[in-house]
Amino acid sequence: SRDNAKNTMYLHMNSLETEDTAVYYCR
């Protein structure tokens, strides 16, 4: 999701798995 008023983008992650382990980058 993104909130333009806050100049912010979000990533809500649920039901995380070990395979999700990584460095996450914003682009």
mmCIF file of all heavy atoms, coordinates in Angstrom:
data_MODEL
# 
_entry.id   MODEL 
# 
loop_
_atom_site.group_PDB 
_atom_site.id 
_atom_site.type_symbol 
_atom_site.label_atom_id 
_atom_site.label_alt_id 
_atom_site.label_comp_id 
_atom_site.label_asym_id 
_atom_site.label_entity_id 
_atom_site.label_seq_id 
_atom_site.pdbx_PDB_ins_code 
_atom_site.Cartn_x 
_atom_site.Cartn_y 
_atom_site.Cartn_z 
_atom_site.occupancy 
_atom_site.B_iso_or_equiv 
_atom_site.pdbx_formal_charge 
_atom_site.auth_seq_id 
_atom_site.auth_comp_id 
_atom_site.auth_asym_id 
_atom_site.auth_atom_id 
_atom_site.pdbx_PDB_model_num 
ATOM 1   N N   . SER A 1 1  ? 0.842  -1.189  0.000   1.00 0.00 ? 1  SER A N   1 
ATOM 2   C CA  . SER A 1 1  ? 0.000  0.000   0.000   1.00 0.00 ? 1  SER A CA  1 
ATOM 3   C C   . SER A 1 1  ? 0.877  1.239   0.000   1.00 0.00 ? 1  SER A C   1 
ATOM 4   O O   . SER A 1 1  ? 2.083  1.157   0.234   1.00 0.00 ? 1  SER A O   1 
ATOM 5   C CB  . SER A 1 1  ? -0.940 0.007   1.211   1.00 0.00 ? 1  SER A CB  1 
ATOM 6   O OG  . SER A 1 1  ? -0.206 0.054   2.424   1.00 0.00 ? 1  SER A OG  1 
ATOM 7   N N   . ARG A 1 2  ? 0.271  2.377   -0.271  1.00 0.00 ? 2  ARG A N   1 
ATOM 8   C CA  . ARG A 1 2  ? 1.011  3.630   -0.247  1.00 0.00 ? 2  ARG A CA  1 
ATOM 9   C C   . ARG A 1 2  ? 0.143  4.727   0.326   1.00 0.00 ? 2  ARG A C   1 
ATOM 10  O O   . ARG A 1 2  ? -1.070 4.758   0.108   1.00 0.00 ? 2  ARG A O   1 
ATOM 11  C CB  . ARG A 1 2  ? 1.513  4.002   -1.646  1.00 0.00 ? 2  ARG A CB  1 
ATOM 12  C CG  . ARG A 1 2  ? 0.414  4.161   -2.695  1.00 0.00 ? 2  ARG A CG  1 
ATOM 13  C CD  . ARG A 1 2  ? 0.992  4.222   -4.108  1.00 0.00 ? 2  ARG A CD  1 
ATOM 14  N NE  . ARG A 1 2  ? 1.735  5.451   -4.353  1.00 0.00 ? 2  ARG A NE  1 
ATOM 15  C CZ  . ARG A 1 2  ? 2.450  5.676   -5.450  1.00 0.00 ? 2  ARG A CZ  1 
ATOM 16  N NH1 . ARG A 1 2  ? 2.533  4.743   -6.396  1.00 0.00 ? 2  ARG A NH1 1 
ATOM 17  N NH2 . ARG A 1 2  ? 3.092  6.831   -5.599  1.00 0.00 ? 2  ARG A NH2 1 
ATOM 18  N N   . ASP A 1 3  ? 0.775  5.622   1.058   1.00 0.00 ? 3  ASP A N   1 
ATOM 19  C CA  . ASP A 1 3  ? 0.115  6.776   1.643   1.00 0.00 ? 3  ASP A CA  1 
ATOM 20  C C   . ASP A 1 3  ? 0.822  8.000   1.087   1.00 0.00 ? 3  ASP A C   1 
ATOM 21  O O   . ASP A 1 3  ? 1.891  8.381   1.572   1.00 0.00 ? 3  ASP A O   1 
ATOM 22  C CB  . ASP A 1 3  ? 0.190  6.742   3.167   1.00 0.00 ? 3  ASP A CB  1 
ATOM 23  C CG  . ASP A 1 3  ? -0.619 7.839   3.826   1.00 0.00 ? 3  ASP A CG  1 
ATOM 24  O OD1 . ASP A 1 3  ? -0.869 8.879   3.192   1.00 0.00 ? 3  ASP A OD1 1 
ATOM 25  O OD2 . ASP A 1 3  ? -1.013 7.657   4.995   1.00 0.00 ? 3  ASP A OD2 1 
ATOM 26  N N   . ASN A 1 4  ? 0.242  8.603   0.076   1.00 0.00 ? 4  ASN A N   1 
ATOM 27  C CA  . ASN A 1 4  ? 0.884  9.728   -0.592  1.00 0.00 ? 4  ASN A CA  1 
ATOM 28  C C   . ASN A 1 4  ? 1.092  10.920  0.337   1.00 0.00 ? 4  ASN A C   1 
ATOM 29  O O   . ASN A 1 4  ? 2.076  11.650  0.210   1.00 0.00 ? 4  ASN A O   1 
ATOM 30  C CB  . ASN A 1 4  ? 0.069  10.154  -1.811  1.00 0.00 ? 4  ASN A CB  1 
ATOM 31  C CG  . ASN A 1 4  ? 0.083  9.119   -2.912  1.00 0.00 ? 4  ASN A CG  1 
ATOM 32  O OD1 . ASN A 1 4  ? 0.977  8.274   -2.966  1.00 0.00 ? 4  ASN A OD1 1 
ATOM 33  N ND2 . ASN A 1 4  ? -0.896 9.168   -3.796  1.00 0.00 ? 4  ASN A ND2 1 
ATOM 34  N N   . ALA A 1 5  ? 0.170  11.137  1.262   1.00 0.00 ? 5  ALA A N   1 
ATOM 35  C CA  . ALA A 1 5  ? 0.275  12.255  2.185   1.00 0.00 ? 5  ALA A CA  1 
ATOM 36  C C   . ALA A 1 5  ? 1.498  12.134  3.089   1.00 0.00 ? 5  ALA A C   1 
ATOM 37  O O   . ALA A 1 5  ? 2.051  13.135  3.543   1.00 0.00 ? 5  ALA A O   1 
ATOM 38  C CB  . ALA A 1 5  ? -0.986 12.377  3.023   1.00 0.00 ? 5  ALA A CB  1 
ATOM 39  N N   . LYS A 1 6  ? 1.921  10.901  3.354   1.00 0.00 ? 6  LYS A N   1 
ATOM 40  C CA  . LYS A 1 6  ? 3.072  10.660  4.215   1.00 0.00 ? 6  LYS A CA  1 
ATOM 41  C C   . LYS A 1 6  ? 4.326  10.286  3.430   1.00 0.00 ? 6  LYS A C   1 
ATOM 42  O O   . LYS A 1 6  ? 5.353  9.973   4.030   1.00 0.00 ? 6  LYS A O   1 
ATOM 43  C CB  . LYS A 1 6  ? 2.757  9.552   5.219   1.00 0.00 ? 6  LYS A CB  1 
ATOM 44  C CG  . LYS A 1 6  ? 1.651  9.902   6.199   1.00 0.00 ? 6  LYS A CG  1 
ATOM 45  C CD  . LYS A 1 6  ? 1.424  8.763   7.185   1.00 0.00 ? 6  LYS A CD  1 
ATOM 46  C CE  . LYS A 1 6  ? 0.360  9.133   8.195   1.00 0.00 ? 6  LYS A CE  1 
ATOM 47  N NZ  . LYS A 1 6  ? 0.124  8.033   9.171   1.00 0.00 ? 6  LYS A NZ  1 
ATOM 48  N N   . ASN A 1 7  ? 4.230  10.314  2.121   1.00 0.00 ? 7  ASN A N   1 
ATOM 49  C CA  . ASN A 1 7  ? 5.353  9.936   1.251   1.00 0.00 ? 7  ASN A CA  1 
ATOM 50  C C   . ASN A 1 7  ? 5.885  8.556   1.621   1.00 0.00 ? 7  ASN A C   1 
ATOM 51  O O   . ASN A 1 7  ? 7.094  8.316   1.615   1.00 0.00 ? 7  ASN A O   1 
ATOM 52  C CB  . ASN A 1 7  ? 6.485  10.963  1.340   1.00 0.00 ? 7  ASN A CB  1 
ATOM 53  C CG  . ASN A 1 7  ? 6.079  12.333  0.857   1.00 0.00 ? 7  ASN A CG  1 
ATOM 54  O OD1 . ASN A 1 7  ? 5.140  12.464  0.074   1.00 0.00 ? 7  ASN A OD1 1 
ATOM 55  N ND2 . ASN A 1 7  ? 6.784  13.356  1.315   1.00 0.00 ? 7  ASN A ND2 1 
ATOM 56  N N   . THR A 1 8  ? 4.986  7.653   1.921   1.00 0.00 ? 8  THR A N   1 
ATOM 57  C CA  . THR A 1 8  ? 5.377  6.356   2.451   1.00 0.00 ? 8  THR A CA  1 
ATOM 58  C C   . THR A 1 8  ? 4.682  5.206   1.738   1.00 0.00 ? 8  THR A C   1 
ATOM 59  O O   . THR A 1 8  ? 3.494  5.286   1.422   1.00 0.00 ? 8  THR A O   1 
ATOM 60  C CB  . THR A 1 8  ? 5.067  6.271   3.954   1.00 0.00 ? 8  THR A CB  1 
ATOM 61  O OG1 . THR A 1 8  ? 5.736  7.339   4.636   1.00 0.00 ? 8  THR A OG1 1 
ATOM 62  C CG2 . THR A 1 8  ? 5.539  4.949   4.532   1.00 0.00 ? 8  THR A CG2 1 
ATOM 63  N N   . MET A 1 9  ? 5.443  4.164   1.504   1.00 0.00 ? 9  MET A N   1 
ATOM 64  C CA  . MET A 1 9  ? 4.916  2.920   0.976   1.00 0.00 ? 9  MET A CA  1 
ATOM 65  C C   . MET A 1 9  ? 5.095  1.851   2.043   1.00 0.00 ? 9  MET A C   1 
ATOM 66  O O   . MET A 1 9  ? 6.086  1.850   2.775   1.00 0.00 ? 9  MET A O   1 
ATOM 67  C CB  . MET A 1 9  ? 5.662  2.520   -0.302  1.00 0.00 ? 9  MET A CB  1 
ATOM 68  C CG  . MET A 1 9  ? 5.212  1.187   -0.891  1.00 0.00 ? 9  MET A CG  1 
ATOM 69  S SD  . MET A 1 9  ? 6.117  0.748   -2.403  1.00 0.00 ? 9  MET A SD  1 
ATOM 70  C CE  . MET A 1 9  ? 7.776  0.541   -1.759  1.00 0.00 ? 9  MET A CE  1 
ATOM 71  N N   . TYR A 1 10 ? 4.142  0.940   2.125   1.00 0.00 ? 10 TYR A N   1 
ATOM 72  C CA  . TYR A 1 10 ? 4.169  -0.092  3.145   1.00 0.00 ? 10 TYR A CA  1 
ATOM 73  C C   . TYR A 1 10 ? 4.110  -1.489  2.531   1.00 0.00 ? 10 TYR A C   1 
ATOM 74  O O   . TYR A 1 10 ? 3.618  -1.687  1.419   1.00 0.00 ? 10 TYR A O   1 
ATOM 75  C CB  . TYR A 1 10 ? 2.982  0.046   4.097   1.00 0.00 ? 10 TYR A CB  1 
ATOM 76  C CG  . TYR A 1 10 ? 2.883  1.371   4.787   1.00 0.00 ? 10 TYR A CG  1 
ATOM 77  C CD1 . TYR A 1 10 ? 2.042  2.364   4.299   1.00 0.00 ? 10 TYR A CD1 1 
ATOM 78  C CD2 . TYR A 1 10 ? 3.615  1.625   5.942   1.00 0.00 ? 10 TYR A CD2 1 
ATOM 79  C CE1 . TYR A 1 10 ? 1.940  3.583   4.942   1.00 0.00 ? 10 TYR A CE1 1 
ATOM 80  C CE2 . TYR A 1 10 ? 3.518  2.839   6.587   1.00 0.00 ? 10 TYR A CE2 1 
ATOM 81  C CZ  . TYR A 1 10 ? 2.679  3.814   6.089   1.00 0.00 ? 10 TYR A CZ  1 
ATOM 82  O OH  . TYR A 1 10 ? 2.581  5.030   6.732   1.00 0.00 ? 10 TYR A OH  1 
ATOM 83  N N   . LEU A 1 11 ? 4.590  -2.441  3.294   1.00 0.00 ? 11 LEU A N   1 
ATOM 84  C CA  . LEU A 1 11 ? 4.419  -3.840  2.961   1.00 0.00 ? 11 LEU A CA  1 
ATOM 85  C C   . LEU A 1 11 ? 4.003  -4.557  4.241   1.00 0.00 ? 11 LEU A C   1 
ATOM 86  O O   . LEU A 1 11 ? 4.812  -4.711  5.156   1.00 0.00 ? 11 LEU A O   1 
ATOM 87  C CB  . LEU A 1 11 ? 5.702  -4.462  2.402   1.00 0.00 ? 11 LEU A CB  1 
ATOM 88  C CG  . LEU A 1 11 ? 5.576  -5.916  1.954   1.00 0.00 ? 11 LEU A CG  1 
ATOM 89  C CD1 . LEU A 1 11 ? 4.671  -6.015  0.725   1.00 0.00 ? 11 LEU A CD1 1 
ATOM 90  C CD2 . LEU A 1 11 ? 6.944  -6.519  1.652   1.00 0.00 ? 11 LEU A CD2 1 
ATOM 91  N N   . HIS A 1 12 ? 2.747  -4.950  4.294   1.00 0.00 ? 12 HIS A N   1 
ATOM 92  C CA  . HIS A 1 12 ? 2.243  -5.724  5.423   1.00 0.00 ? 12 HIS A CA  1 
ATOM 93  C C   . HIS A 1 12 ? 2.448  -7.197  5.122   1.00 0.00 ? 12 HIS A C   1 
ATOM 94  O O   . HIS A 1 12 ? 1.935  -7.710  4.131   1.00 0.00 ? 12 HIS A O   1 
ATOM 95  C CB  . HIS A 1 12 ? 0.759  -5.431  5.658   1.00 0.00 ? 12 HIS A CB  1 
ATOM 96  C CG  . HIS A 1 12 ? 0.482  -4.056  6.162   1.00 0.00 ? 12 HIS A CG  1 
ATOM 97  N ND1 . HIS A 1 12 ? 0.378  -2.968  5.336   1.00 0.00 ? 12 HIS A ND1 1 
ATOM 98  C CD2 . HIS A 1 12 ? 0.277  -3.594  7.429   1.00 0.00 ? 12 HIS A CD2 1 
ATOM 99  C CE1 . HIS A 1 12 ? 0.129  -1.882  6.055   1.00 0.00 ? 12 HIS A CE1 1 
ATOM 100 N NE2 . HIS A 1 12 ? 0.061  -2.242  7.331   1.00 0.00 ? 12 HIS A NE2 1 
ATOM 101 N N   . MET A 1 13 ? 3.178  -7.868  5.981   1.00 0.00 ? 13 MET A N   1 
ATOM 102 C CA  . MET A 1 13 ? 3.520  -9.261  5.776   1.00 0.00 ? 13 MET A CA  1 
ATOM 103 C C   . MET A 1 13 ? 2.877  -10.103 6.866   1.00 0.00 ? 13 MET A C   1 
ATOM 104 O O   . MET A 1 13 ? 3.126  -9.887  8.053   1.00 0.00 ? 13 MET A O   1 
ATOM 105 C CB  . MET A 1 13 ? 5.039  -9.450  5.778   1.00 0.00 ? 13 MET A CB  1 
ATOM 106 C CG  . MET A 1 13 ? 5.765  -8.584  4.757   1.00 0.00 ? 13 MET A CG  1 
ATOM 107 S SD  . MET A 1 13 ? 7.551  -8.901  4.720   1.00 0.00 ? 13 MET A SD  1 
ATOM 108 C CE  . MET A 1 13 ? 8.019  -8.240  6.322   1.00 0.00 ? 13 MET A CE  1 
ATOM 109 N N   . ASN A 1 14 ? 2.058  -11.038 6.451   1.00 0.00 ? 14 ASN A N   1 
ATOM 110 C CA  . ASN A 1 14 ? 1.390  -11.947 7.372   1.00 0.00 ? 14 ASN A CA  1 
ATOM 111 C C   . ASN A 1 14 ? 1.784  -13.385 7.067   1.00 0.00 ? 14 ASN A C   1 
ATOM 112 O O   . ASN A 1 14 ? 2.270  -13.691 5.983   1.00 0.00 ? 14 ASN A O   1 
ATOM 113 C CB  . ASN A 1 14 ? -0.130 -11.801 7.263   1.00 0.00 ? 14 ASN A CB  1 
ATOM 114 C CG  . ASN A 1 14 ? -0.617 -10.418 7.606   1.00 0.00 ? 14 ASN A CG  1 
ATOM 115 O OD1 . ASN A 1 14 ? -0.236 -9.848  8.620   1.00 0.00 ? 14 ASN A OD1 1 
ATOM 116 N ND2 . ASN A 1 14 ? -1.494 -9.878  6.761   1.00 0.00 ? 14 ASN A ND2 1 
ATOM 117 N N   . SER A 1 15 ? 1.554  -14.257 8.034   1.00 0.00 ? 15 SER A N   1 
ATOM 118 C CA  . SER A 1 15 ? 1.852  -15.683 7.868   1.00 0.00 ? 15 SER A CA  1 
ATOM 119 C C   . SER A 1 15 ? 3.257  -15.884 7.315   1.00 0.00 ? 15 SER A C   1 
ATOM 120 O O   . SER A 1 15 ? 3.471  -16.640 6.362   1.00 0.00 ? 15 SER A O   1 
ATOM 121 C CB  . SER A 1 15 ? 0.810  -16.334 6.948   1.00 0.00 ? 15 SER A CB  1 
ATOM 122 O OG  . SER A 1 15 ? -0.496 -16.179 7.467   1.00 0.00 ? 15 SER A OG  1 
ATOM 123 N N   . LEU A 1 16 ? 4.203  -15.233 7.929   1.00 0.00 ? 16 LEU A N   1 
ATOM 124 C CA  . LEU A 1 16 ? 5.578  -15.285 7.443   1.00 0.00 ? 16 LEU A CA  1 
ATOM 125 C C   . LEU A 1 16 ? 6.150  -16.696 7.510   1.00 0.00 ? 16 LEU A C   1 
ATOM 126 O O   . LEU A 1 16 ? 5.866  -17.450 8.440   1.00 0.00 ? 16 LEU A O   1 
ATOM 127 C CB  . LEU A 1 16 ? 6.449  -14.328 8.236   1.00 0.00 ? 16 LEU A CB  1 
ATOM 128 C CG  . LEU A 1 16 ? 6.275  -12.853 7.860   1.00 0.00 ? 16 LEU A CG  1 
ATOM 129 C CD1 . LEU A 1 16 ? 6.816  -11.946 8.946   1.00 0.00 ? 16 LEU A CD1 1 
ATOM 130 C CD2 . LEU A 1 16 ? 6.982  -12.576 6.533   1.00 0.00 ? 16 LEU A CD2 1 
ATOM 131 N N   . GLU A 1 17 ? 6.945  -17.007 6.520   1.00 0.00 ? 17 GLU A N   1 
ATOM 132 C CA  . GLU A 1 17 ? 7.593  -18.308 6.410   1.00 0.00 ? 17 GLU A CA  1 
ATOM 133 C C   . GLU A 1 17 ? 9.101  -18.115 6.423   1.00 0.00 ? 17 GLU A C   1 
ATOM 134 O O   . GLU A 1 17 ? 9.603  -17.036 6.119   1.00 0.00 ? 17 GLU A O   1 
ATOM 135 C CB  . GLU A 1 17 ? 7.156  -19.005 5.116   1.00 0.00 ? 17 GLU A CB  1 
ATOM 136 C CG  . GLU A 1 17 ? 5.654  -19.157 4.974   1.00 0.00 ? 17 GLU A CG  1 
ATOM 137 C CD  . GLU A 1 17 ? 5.228  -19.581 3.585   1.00 0.00 ? 17 GLU A CD  1 
ATOM 138 O OE1 . GLU A 1 17 ? 6.084  -19.629 2.678   1.00 0.00 ? 17 GLU A OE1 1 
ATOM 139 O OE2 . GLU A 1 17 ? 4.032  -19.873 3.411   1.00 0.00 ? 17 GLU A OE2 1 
ATOM 140 N N   . THR A 1 18 ? 9.823  -19.164 6.758   1.00 0.00 ? 18 THR A N   1 
ATOM 141 C CA  . THR A 1 18 ? 11.274 -19.069 6.790   1.00 0.00 ? 18 THR A CA  1 
ATOM 142 C C   . THR A 1 18 ? 11.835 -18.679 5.424   1.00 0.00 ? 18 THR A C   1 
ATOM 143 O O   . THR A 1 18 ? 12.877 -18.026 5.340   1.00 0.00 ? 18 THR A O   1 
ATOM 144 C CB  . THR A 1 18 ? 11.912 -20.390 7.244   1.00 0.00 ? 18 THR A CB  1 
ATOM 145 O OG1 . THR A 1 18 ? 11.472 -21.461 6.405   1.00 0.00 ? 18 THR A OG1 1 
ATOM 146 C CG2 . THR A 1 18 ? 11.517 -20.697 8.688   1.00 0.00 ? 18 THR A CG2 1 
ATOM 147 N N   . GLU A 1 19 ? 11.140 -19.059 4.369   1.00 0.00 ? 19 GLU A N   1 
ATOM 148 C CA  . GLU A 1 19 ? 11.562 -18.724 3.014   1.00 0.00 ? 19 GLU A CA  1 
ATOM 149 C C   . GLU A 1 19 ? 11.460 -17.234 2.713   1.00 0.00 ? 19 GLU A C   1 
ATOM 150 O O   . GLU A 1 19 ? 11.987 -16.769 1.699   1.00 0.00 ? 19 GLU A O   1 
ATOM 151 C CB  . GLU A 1 19 ? 10.749 -19.517 1.982   1.00 0.00 ? 19 GLU A CB  1 
ATOM 152 C CG  . GLU A 1 19 ? 11.017 -21.015 1.973   1.00 0.00 ? 19 GLU A CG  1 
ATOM 153 C CD  . GLU A 1 19 ? 10.317 -21.755 3.104   1.00 0.00 ? 19 GLU A CD  1 
ATOM 154 O OE1 . GLU A 1 19 ? 9.468  -21.152 3.786   1.00 0.00 ? 19 GLU A OE1 1 
ATOM 155 O OE2 . GLU A 1 19 ? 10.619 -22.948 3.308   1.00 0.00 ? 19 GLU A OE2 1 
ATOM 156 N N   . ASP A 1 20 ? 10.775 -16.486 3.567   1.00 0.00 ? 20 ASP A N   1 
ATOM 157 C CA  . ASP A 1 20 ? 10.657 -15.045 3.384   1.00 0.00 ? 20 ASP A CA  1 
ATOM 158 C C   . ASP A 1 20 ? 11.887 -14.302 3.899   1.00 0.00 ? 20 ASP A C   1 
ATOM 159 O O   . ASP A 1 20 ? 12.000 -13.091 3.704   1.00 0.00 ? 20 ASP A O   1 
ATOM 160 C CB  . ASP A 1 20 ? 9.412  -14.509 4.088   1.00 0.00 ? 20 ASP A CB  1 
ATOM 161 C CG  . ASP A 1 20 ? 8.123  -15.055 3.501   1.00 0.00 ? 20 ASP A CG  1 
ATOM 162 O OD1 . ASP A 1 20 ? 8.018  -15.134 2.259   1.00 0.00 ? 20 ASP A OD1 1 
ATOM 163 O OD2 . ASP A 1 20 ? 7.217  -15.401 4.281   1.00 0.00 ? 20 ASP A OD2 1 
ATOM 164 N N   . THR A 1 21 ? 12.775 -14.996 4.559   1.00 0.00 ? 21 THR A N   1 
ATOM 165 C CA  . THR A 1 21 ? 13.987 -14.373 5.085   1.00 0.00 ? 21 THR A CA  1 
ATOM 166 C C   . THR A 1 21 ? 14.814 -13.789 3.948   1.00 0.00 ? 21 THR A C   1 
ATOM 167 O O   . THR A 1 21 ? 15.165 -14.490 3.000   1.00 0.00 ? 21 THR A O   1 
ATOM 168 C CB  . THR A 1 21 ? 14.826 -15.387 5.865   1.00 0.00 ? 21 THR A CB  1 
ATOM 169 O OG1 . THR A 1 21 ? 14.095 -15.823 7.017   1.00 0.00 ? 21 THR A OG1 1 
ATOM 170 C CG2 . THR A 1 21 ? 16.141 -14.774 6.314   1.00 0.00 ? 21 THR A CG2 1 
ATOM 171 N N   . ALA A 1 22 ? 15.109 -12.499 4.043   1.00 0.00 ? 22 ALA A N   1 
ATOM 172 C CA  . ALA A 1 22 ? 15.857 -11.804 3.004   1.00 0.00 ? 22 ALA A CA  1 
ATOM 173 C C   . ALA A 1 22 ? 16.044 -10.355 3.412   1.00 0.00 ? 22 ALA A C   1 
ATOM 174 O O   . ALA A 1 22 ? 15.481 -9.894  4.411   1.00 0.00 ? 22 ALA A O   1 
ATOM 175 C CB  . ALA A 1 22 ? 15.114 -11.872 1.664   1.00 0.00 ? 22 ALA A CB  1 
ATOM 176 N N   . VAL A 1 23 ? 16.843 -9.641  2.634   1.00 0.00 ? 23 VAL A N   1 
ATOM 177 C CA  . VAL A 1 23 ? 16.911 -8.196  2.758   1.00 0.00 ? 23 VAL A CA  1 
ATOM 178 C C   . VAL A 1 23 ? 15.866 -7.621  1.816   1.00 0.00 ? 23 VAL A C   1 
ATOM 179 O O   . VAL A 1 23 ? 15.850 -7.951  0.632   1.00 0.00 ? 23 VAL A O   1 
ATOM 180 C CB  . VAL A 1 23 ? 18.301 -7.638  2.402   1.00 0.00 ? 23 VAL A CB  1 
ATOM 181 C CG1 . VAL A 1 23 ? 18.299 -6.113  2.471   1.00 0.00 ? 23 VAL A CG1 1 
ATOM 182 C CG2 . VAL A 1 23 ? 19.348 -8.210  3.349   1.00 0.00 ? 23 VAL A CG2 1 
ATOM 183 N N   . TYR A 1 24 ? 15.001 -6.788  2.334   1.00 0.00 ? 24 TYR A N   1 
ATOM 184 C CA  . TYR A 1 24 ? 13.921 -6.211  1.551   1.00 0.00 ? 24 TYR A CA  1 
ATOM 185 C C   . TYR A 1 24 ? 14.275 -4.782  1.154   1.00 0.00 ? 24 TYR A C   1 
ATOM 186 O O   . TYR A 1 24 ? 14.676 -3.973  1.993   1.00 0.00 ? 24 TYR A O   1 
ATOM 187 C CB  . TYR A 1 24 ? 12.615 -6.230  2.345   1.00 0.00 ? 24 TYR A CB  1 
ATOM 188 C CG  . TYR A 1 24 ? 11.991 -7.599  2.401   1.00 0.00 ? 24 TYR A CG  1 
ATOM 189 C CD1 . TYR A 1 24 ? 12.575 -8.612  3.157   1.00 0.00 ? 24 TYR A CD1 1 
ATOM 190 C CD2 . TYR A 1 24 ? 10.832 -7.894  1.685   1.00 0.00 ? 24 TYR A CD2 1 
ATOM 191 C CE1 . TYR A 1 24 ? 12.025 -9.883  3.192   1.00 0.00 ? 24 TYR A CE1 1 
ATOM 192 C CE2 . TYR A 1 24 ? 10.272 -9.158  1.718   1.00 0.00 ? 24 TYR A CE2 1 
ATOM 193 C CZ  . TYR A 1 24 ? 10.876 -10.150 2.475   1.00 0.00 ? 24 TYR A CZ  1 
ATOM 194 O OH  . TYR A 1 24 ? 10.318 -11.412 2.505   1.00 0.00 ? 24 TYR A OH  1 
ATOM 195 N N   . TYR A 1 25 ? 14.107 -4.493  -0.128  1.00 0.00 ? 25 TYR A N   1 
ATOM 196 C CA  . TYR A 1 25 ? 14.469 -3.197  -0.680  1.00 0.00 ? 25 TYR A CA  1 
ATOM 197 C C   . TYR A 1 25 ? 13.268 -2.464  -1.254  1.00 0.00 ? 25 TYR A C   1 
ATOM 198 O O   . TYR A 1 25 ? 12.408 -3.067  -1.893  1.00 0.00 ? 25 TYR A O   1 
ATOM 199 C CB  . TYR A 1 25 ? 15.496 -3.355  -1.801  1.00 0.00 ? 25 TYR A CB  1 
ATOM 200 C CG  . TYR A 1 25 ? 16.819 -3.922  -1.363  1.00 0.00 ? 25 TYR A CG  1 
ATOM 201 C CD1 . TYR A 1 25 ? 17.040 -5.292  -1.382  1.00 0.00 ? 25 TYR A CD1 1 
ATOM 202 C CD2 . TYR A 1 25 ? 17.847 -3.091  -0.948  1.00 0.00 ? 25 TYR A CD2 1 
ATOM 203 C CE1 . TYR A 1 25 ? 18.259 -5.822  -0.991  1.00 0.00 ? 25 TYR A CE1 1 
ATOM 204 C CE2 . TYR A 1 25 ? 19.066 -3.609  -0.560  1.00 0.00 ? 25 TYR A CE2 1 
ATOM 205 C CZ  . TYR A 1 25 ? 19.268 -4.978  -0.582  1.00 0.00 ? 25 TYR A CZ  1 
ATOM 206 O OH  . TYR A 1 25 ? 20.480 -5.496  -0.194  1.00 0.00 ? 25 TYR A OH  1 
ATOM 207 N N   . CYS A 1 26 ? 13.247 -1.179  -1.035  1.00 0.00 ? 26 CYS A N   1 
ATOM 208 C CA  . CYS A 1 26 ? 12.244 -0.301  -1.618  1.00 0.00 ? 26 CYS A CA  1 
ATOM 209 C C   . CYS A 1 26 ? 12.761 0.210   -2.958  1.00 0.00 ? 26 CYS A C   1 
ATOM 210 O O   . CYS A 1 26 ? 13.939 0.549   -3.091  1.00 0.00 ? 26 CYS A O   1 
ATOM 211 C CB  . CYS A 1 26 ? 11.977 0.870   -0.665  1.00 0.00 ? 26 CYS A CB  1 
ATOM 212 S SG  . CYS A 1 26 ? 10.830 2.113   -1.272  1.00 0.00 ? 26 CYS A SG  1 
ATOM 213 N N   . ARG A 1 27 ? 11.888 0.259   -3.957  1.00 0.00 ? 27 ARG A N   1 
ATOM 214 C CA  . ARG A 1 27 ? 12.274 0.734   -5.281  1.00 0.00 ? 27 ARG A CA  1 
ATOM 215 C C   . ARG A 1 27 ? 11.255 1.731   -5.813  1.00 0.00 ? 27 ARG A C   1 
ATOM 216 O O   . ARG A 1 27 ? 10.052 1.551   -5.652  1.00 0.00 ? 27 ARG A O   1 
ATOM 217 C CB  . ARG A 1 27 ? 12.385 -0.441  -6.248  1.00 0.00 ? 27 ARG A CB  1 
ATOM 218 C CG  . ARG A 1 27 ? 12.577 -0.043  -7.704  1.00 0.00 ? 27 ARG A CG  1 
ATOM 219 C CD  . ARG A 1 27 ? 12.820 -1.250  -8.569  1.00 0.00 ? 27 ARG A CD  1 
ATOM 220 N NE  . ARG A 1 27 ? 12.776 -0.927  -9.988  1.00 0.00 ? 27 ARG A NE  1 
ATOM 221 C CZ  . ARG A 1 27 ? 13.162 -1.734  -10.964 1.00 0.00 ? 27 ARG A CZ  1 
ATOM 222 N NH1 . ARG A 1 27 ? 13.631 -2.943  -10.662 1.00 0.00 ? 27 ARG A NH1 1 
ATOM 223 N NH2 . ARG A 1 27 ? 13.073 -1.353  -12.221 1.00 0.00 ? 27 ARG A NH2 1 
# 
